[in-house]
Amino acid sequence: MGRNILGSKKFLIALILVVAIGFVFMGMVFAATDTVTIDVNVTETSSIIVIPDTLDWNNTQTGQAGGVKYLTIKNAGSLNVTNIHVYMDTVSTEQVRPYGSSNSDDYSAGSVITIMNETDTQYYFAGRLEWNWTSTIPDSDWSAVTSPVAWGYFKNTSSDYVWVLGNGTGGRCNETDTEFAIEYDVDLGTQLTRTPLTVGASDGNDANYAYFSVNDGSSPLNLYCVATNVNCTNIYIYHYDQRTGFTDCNNAAYIQEGDLVSGNTSTLSVNPFIPTGLPSGYLNTTTLTVEAT
């Protein structure tokens, strides 16, 4: 009988092993894997986003800078963008000579805005408009130009510099023979500080302007472009404007010329330079446009 019990145990152990091995093989049969190939194609798009969409300065003081604020230019598209430039709509928001007006809205806010990119070390006016003075400037010396027809002041916060235009063919100031001169010294009311020097021949001209580049480290307009209006009533001062026509000036530059790759950003510093002699209140709202290729 003992032999029967032992035989039963051996049979039971063998049966358990068979069942266990069966379960193992059953598990192996149902443990299947596979893979799926995923492809995603991104459409070619060019897009930039500039944030914030509004900049506002309150309680600025004449003769002082208003304080730095920042614009972030982001490549929101799928293609690299290059040749980023900016321009103000100062000319369209200040169409009439505002001097003598007590209404701040007659002055464009674009005329006081200066900008600096990530690699520059100085601010440049984004689009400053200076009108002719219309009345005589005492003790002035216009001998630098052949036919003086308009004059005025370039205002850089607390400092004023005298300029003069010599008209070209037919009395217009958009001709190749138009002359532009700027004083290097801050105006002190003396002839010594009211004797502008010419900046050389214009770089180009069109139906609206003659374009001059200023390249003298002693000049208050060094590295700027100056566009002289056809009717000799004002001059437009800029640096980063690459619109058609304005590129005729050799000093017209880009905020960023190289690639701004997808997802990357470029920072633009913005600071209003408030000249002396502005009436209190909000200046006429203006728009800064950022363009990229």
Protein backbone atom coordinates (compact mmCIF):
# COMPACT_ATOMS: atom_id res chain seq x y z
CA MET A 1 0.00 0.00 0.00
CA GLY A 2 2.95 2.28 0.66
CA ARG A 3 4.02 1.72 -2.89
CA ASN A 4 0.63 2.91 -4.13
CA ILE A 5 0.83 6.15 -2.12
CA LEU A 6 4.32 6.89 -3.45
CA GLY A 7 3.20 6.19 -6.95
CA SER A 8 0.24 8.52 -6.50
CA LYS A 9 2.51 11.33 -5.32
CA LYS A 10 4.79 10.89 -8.31
CA PHE A 11 1.78 10.96 -10.60
CA LEU A 12 0.42 14.12 -8.93
CA ILE A 13 3.78 15.91 -9.18
CA ALA A 14 4.08 14.95 -12.84
CA LEU A 15 0.55 16.20 -13.50
CA ILE A 16 1.28 19.54 -11.82
CA LEU A 17 4.43 19.95 -13.93
CA VAL A 18 2.54 19.24 -17.11
CA VAL A 19 -0.16 21.76 -16.23
CA ALA A 20 2.43 24.43 -15.28
CA ILE A 21 4.35 23.91 -18.50
CA GLY A 22 1.06 24.14 -20.36
CA PHE A 23 0.30 27.51 -18.83
CA VAL A 24 3.79 28.76 -19.75
CA PHE A 25 3.31 27.80 -23.36
CA MET A 26 -0.17 29.28 -23.41
CA GLY A 27 1.30 32.61 -22.16
CA MET A 28 3.94 32.57 -24.84
CA VAL A 29 1.33 32.07 -27.52
CA PHE A 30 -0.70 35.18 -26.50
CA ALA A 31 2.29 37.63 -25.79
CA ALA A 32 2.47 39.19 -29.33
CA THR A 33 4.06 42.63 -30.29
CA ASP A 34 4.10 44.80 -33.40
CA THR A 35 5.21 48.35 -34.43
CA VAL A 36 3.56 51.26 -36.22
CA THR A 37 5.50 53.80 -38.33
CA ILE A 38 4.47 57.43 -37.70
CA ASP A 39 5.20 60.23 -40.20
CA VAL A 40 4.25 63.90 -39.61
CA ASN A 41 4.84 66.53 -42.27
CA VAL A 42 4.85 70.23 -41.33
CA THR A 43 3.72 72.65 -44.02
CA GLU A 44 6.10 75.44 -44.97
CA THR A 45 4.84 78.66 -43.40
CA SER A 46 6.37 82.04 -42.68
CA SER A 47 5.06 83.74 -39.56
CA ILE A 48 6.31 86.09 -36.87
CA ILE A 49 4.66 87.19 -33.64
CA VAL A 50 5.57 90.40 -31.82
CA ILE A 51 4.67 90.66 -28.12
CA PRO A 52 3.34 92.61 -26.39
CA ASP A 53 1.02 94.20 -28.96
CA THR A 54 0.90 97.53 -27.11
CA LEU A 55 3.54 99.72 -25.49
CA ASP A 56 2.45 102.64 -23.33
CA TRP A 57 4.43 105.26 -21.45
CA ASN A 58 2.78 107.55 -18.91
CA ASN A 59 4.06 110.74 -17.28
CA THR A 60 7.19 111.09 -19.39
CA GLN A 61 9.25 114.25 -18.91
CA THR A 62 10.42 116.59 -21.67
CA GLY A 63 14.15 116.50 -22.23
CA GLN A 64 14.44 112.96 -20.88
CA ALA A 65 14.13 109.34 -21.98
CA GLY A 66 10.88 107.63 -21.03
CA GLY A 67 12.38 104.29 -19.95
CA VAL A 68 13.19 101.03 -21.70
CA LYS A 69 10.54 98.48 -22.62
CA TYR A 70 11.01 95.34 -24.66
CA LEU A 71 9.46 93.72 -27.70
CA THR A 72 9.95 90.03 -28.38
CA ILE A 73 9.97 88.97 -32.02
CA LYS A 74 9.25 85.23 -32.29
CA ASN A 75 9.50 83.06 -35.38
CA ALA A 76 6.12 81.30 -35.13
CA GLY A 77 6.36 79.67 -38.54
CA SER A 78 8.14 76.61 -39.87
CA LEU A 79 10.65 78.42 -42.11
CA ASN A 80 13.66 80.48 -41.13
CA VAL A 81 13.06 84.21 -41.44
CA THR A 82 15.74 86.74 -42.28
CA ASN A 83 16.21 90.46 -42.95
CA ILE A 84 14.03 91.66 -40.08
CA HIS A 85 13.41 95.40 -40.21
CA VAL A 86 11.04 97.87 -38.59
CA TYR A 87 9.46 101.18 -39.46
CA MET A 88 7.09 103.72 -37.94
CA ASP A 89 4.04 105.31 -39.56
CA THR A 90 5.17 108.74 -38.36
CA VAL A 91 4.70 110.35 -41.77
CA SER A 92 1.03 109.31 -41.97
CA THR A 93 0.25 110.18 -38.32
CA GLU A 94 1.89 113.62 -38.48
CA GLN A 95 0.93 115.01 -41.88
CA VAL A 96 0.78 118.67 -40.88
CA ARG A 97 3.52 120.75 -39.30
CA PRO A 98 2.65 120.70 -35.56
CA TYR A 99 5.03 123.40 -34.28
CA GLY A 100 3.18 126.10 -32.42
CA SER A 101 0.24 123.83 -31.55
CA SER A 102 -0.73 123.30 -27.91
CA ASN A 103 -2.48 120.03 -28.84
CA SER A 104 -0.26 117.02 -28.13
CA ASP A 105 -2.30 114.92 -30.57
CA ASP A 106 -0.84 116.96 -33.44
CA TYR A 107 2.50 115.30 -32.73
CA SER A 108 3.08 111.66 -33.71
CA ALA A 109 4.30 109.31 -30.99
CA GLY A 110 6.38 107.62 -33.68
CA SER A 111 8.68 110.61 -33.85
CA VAL A 112 10.00 110.08 -30.31
CA ILE A 113 10.47 106.29 -30.40
CA THR A 114 14.01 104.92 -30.45
CA ILE A 115 14.98 101.28 -30.83
CA MET A 116 18.03 99.10 -30.29
CA ASN A 117 18.57 95.51 -31.37
CA GLU A 118 20.48 92.80 -29.51
CA THR A 119 23.84 93.59 -31.09
CA ASP A 120 23.85 97.41 -31.21
CA THR A 121 25.13 99.58 -28.40
CA GLN A 122 23.05 102.68 -29.12
CA TYR A 123 19.45 103.61 -29.76
CA TYR A 124 18.25 104.93 -33.11
CA PHE A 125 15.10 106.88 -33.87
CA ALA A 126 12.70 104.53 -35.62
CA GLY A 127 11.26 107.33 -37.73
CA ARG A 128 11.75 110.91 -36.52
CA LEU A 129 10.13 113.75 -38.43
CA GLU A 130 11.60 117.25 -38.17
CA TRP A 131 9.79 120.15 -39.86
CA ASN A 132 11.20 123.37 -41.24
CA TRP A 133 11.26 126.25 -38.79
CA THR A 134 9.65 128.75 -41.25
CA SER A 135 11.01 131.76 -39.33
CA THR A 136 14.60 133.02 -39.30
CA ILE A 137 17.13 131.39 -36.99
CA PRO A 138 19.32 134.30 -35.78
CA ASP A 139 23.11 134.18 -36.20
CA SER A 140 22.86 131.23 -38.55
CA ASP A 141 25.38 130.56 -41.31
CA TRP A 142 24.01 128.61 -44.29
CA SER A 143 27.15 128.94 -46.41
CA ALA A 144 27.56 125.15 -46.57
CA VAL A 145 24.68 124.85 -49.06
CA THR A 146 24.29 126.59 -52.38
CA SER A 147 20.64 127.56 -52.16
CA PRO A 148 19.25 127.36 -48.61
CA VAL A 149 15.50 126.88 -48.70
CA ALA A 150 14.57 125.27 -45.36
CA TRP A 151 16.11 124.91 -41.91
CA GLY A 152 15.22 123.64 -38.48
CA TYR A 153 16.35 121.67 -35.45
CA PHE A 154 17.11 118.02 -34.89
CA LYS A 155 15.99 117.39 -31.31
CA ASN A 156 17.57 114.59 -29.31
CA THR A 157 15.96 114.77 -25.85
CA SER A 158 17.54 117.84 -24.20
CA SER A 159 19.85 118.78 -27.11
CA ASP A 160 19.05 120.68 -30.33
CA TYR A 161 21.16 120.69 -33.49
CA VAL A 162 20.57 123.07 -36.41
CA TRP A 163 20.14 121.67 -39.93
CA VAL A 164 19.62 123.27 -43.35
CA LEU A 165 18.40 122.12 -46.77
CA GLY A 166 19.60 123.43 -50.11
CA ASN A 167 17.03 122.85 -52.83
CA GLY A 168 17.88 121.07 -56.03
CA THR A 169 16.51 121.32 -59.55
CA GLY A 170 13.31 123.34 -59.83
CA GLY A 171 13.34 124.24 -56.14
CA ARG A 172 12.63 120.67 -55.09
CA CYS A 173 14.42 118.75 -52.32
CA ASN A 174 14.26 115.25 -53.79
CA GLU A 175 16.74 115.84 -56.60
CA THR A 176 20.25 114.47 -56.98
CA ASP A 177 21.65 117.97 -56.44
CA THR A 178 19.71 118.54 -53.19
CA GLU A 179 22.02 119.47 -50.30
CA PHE A 180 21.65 118.62 -46.61
CA ALA A 181 23.81 119.95 -43.76
CA ILE A 182 23.76 119.38 -39.99
CA GLU A 183 25.50 121.23 -37.15
CA TYR A 184 27.83 119.08 -35.05
CA ASP A 185 27.59 121.22 -31.90
CA VAL A 186 24.64 121.56 -29.54
CA ASP A 187 22.79 124.78 -30.28
CA LEU A 188 23.87 127.58 -27.91
CA GLY A 189 22.39 130.42 -29.91
CA THR A 190 25.74 131.47 -31.38
CA GLN A 191 26.88 131.47 -34.99
CA LEU A 192 29.57 128.96 -34.04
CA THR A 193 26.82 126.47 -33.13
CA ARG A 194 24.56 127.42 -36.04
CA THR A 195 26.86 126.67 -38.96
CA PRO A 196 25.86 123.26 -40.34
CA LEU A 197 28.23 121.11 -42.39
CA THR A 198 27.16 119.21 -45.50
CA VAL A 199 27.03 115.43 -45.33
CA GLY A 200 27.88 114.82 -48.98
CA ALA A 201 25.84 113.89 -52.03
CA SER A 202 22.64 111.92 -51.66
CA ASP A 203 22.73 108.13 -52.07
CA GLY A 204 19.61 108.13 -54.23
CA ASN A 205 16.31 109.82 -54.87
CA ASP A 206 12.74 109.10 -55.95
CA ALA A 207 9.47 110.98 -56.41
CA ASN A 208 9.18 111.70 -52.69
CA TYR A 209 12.65 112.06 -51.17
CA ALA A 210 16.36 112.40 -51.64
CA TYR A 211 18.21 109.99 -49.31
CA PHE A 212 21.37 110.91 -47.41
CA SER A 213 23.61 108.75 -45.21
CA VAL A 214 25.58 110.41 -42.40
CA ASN A 215 28.93 108.81 -41.60
CA ASP A 216 30.90 110.98 -39.23
CA GLY A 217 31.41 110.01 -35.61
CA SER A 218 31.27 113.68 -34.59
CA SER A 219 27.82 114.22 -36.10
CA PRO A 220 24.68 113.85 -33.97
CA LEU A 221 23.21 111.91 -36.92
CA ASN A 222 26.12 109.50 -37.36
CA LEU A 223 25.00 106.23 -39.03
CA TYR A 224 21.52 107.62 -39.65
CA CYS A 225 19.61 108.02 -42.88
CA VAL A 226 17.97 111.35 -43.68
CA ALA A 227 15.19 111.54 -46.26
CA THR A 228 14.54 115.10 -47.46
CA ASN A 229 10.96 115.78 -48.56
CA VAL A 230 10.32 116.79 -52.17
CA ASN A 231 8.59 120.01 -51.07
CA CYS A 232 11.42 120.90 -48.65
CA THR A 233 9.05 121.07 -45.65
CA ASN A 234 10.59 118.35 -43.47
CA ILE A 235 13.25 115.70 -43.07
CA TYR A 236 12.68 112.09 -42.00
CA ILE A 237 15.38 110.47 -39.85
CA TYR A 238 15.69 106.67 -39.57
CA HIS A 239 18.06 103.70 -39.43
CA TYR A 240 16.20 100.36 -39.52
CA ASP A 241 13.71 101.13 -42.32
CA GLN A 242 14.01 98.82 -45.33
CA ARG A 243 10.90 99.80 -47.25
CA THR A 244 11.13 100.45 -50.97
CA GLY A 245 12.86 103.76 -51.53
CA PHE A 246 14.20 104.08 -48.01
CA THR A 247 16.75 101.38 -48.85
CA ASP A 248 18.41 103.88 -51.21
CA CYS A 249 20.21 105.21 -48.15
CA ASN A 250 23.44 103.29 -47.60
CA ASN A 251 22.93 103.33 -43.81
CA ALA A 252 19.55 101.59 -43.95
CA ALA A 253 20.02 98.53 -41.74
CA TYR A 254 18.22 95.42 -40.49
CA ILE A 255 17.26 94.62 -36.91
CA GLN A 256 18.53 91.12 -37.71
CA GLU A 257 19.89 90.14 -41.09
CA GLY A 258 20.73 86.49 -40.44
CA ASP A 259 18.40 83.56 -39.84
CA LEU A 260 15.88 83.57 -37.02
CA VAL A 261 15.02 79.86 -36.91
CA SER A 262 11.61 78.46 -36.06
CA GLY A 263 10.71 78.93 -32.41
CA ASN A 264 13.60 81.33 -31.70
CA THR A 265 13.18 84.92 -30.58
CA SER A 266 14.89 88.27 -31.00
CA THR A 267 14.55 91.06 -28.44
CA LEU A 268 14.09 94.70 -29.37
CA SER A 269 14.65 97.46 -26.79
CA VAL A 270 12.32 100.44 -27.16
CA ASN A 271 12.75 103.81 -25.46
CA PRO A 272 10.98 107.13 -26.15
CA PHE A 273 13.32 110.13 -26.27
CA ILE A 274 11.12 113.07 -25.33
CA PRO A 275 12.48 116.37 -26.70
CA THR A 276 11.99 119.71 -25.04
CA GLY A 277 9.05 121.84 -26.15
CA LEU A 278 6.32 119.20 -26.48
CA PRO A 279 2.81 120.03 -25.15
CA SER A 280 1.44 117.83 -22.35
CA GLY A 281 -0.93 114.97 -23.09
CA TYR A 282 -0.89 111.83 -25.22
CA LEU A 283 0.85 112.11 -28.57
CA ASN A 284 -0.96 110.80 -31.64
CA THR A 285 -0.99 106.99 -31.49
CA THR A 286 1.35 105.37 -33.97
CA THR A 287 2.20 101.88 -35.21
CA LEU A 288 5.56 100.13 -35.32
CA THR A 289 5.63 97.53 -38.08
CA VAL A 290 8.02 94.55 -38.01
CA GLU A 291 8.70 92.76 -41.29
CA ALA A 292 10.83 89.74 -42.14
CA THR A 293 11.67 87.81 -45.29
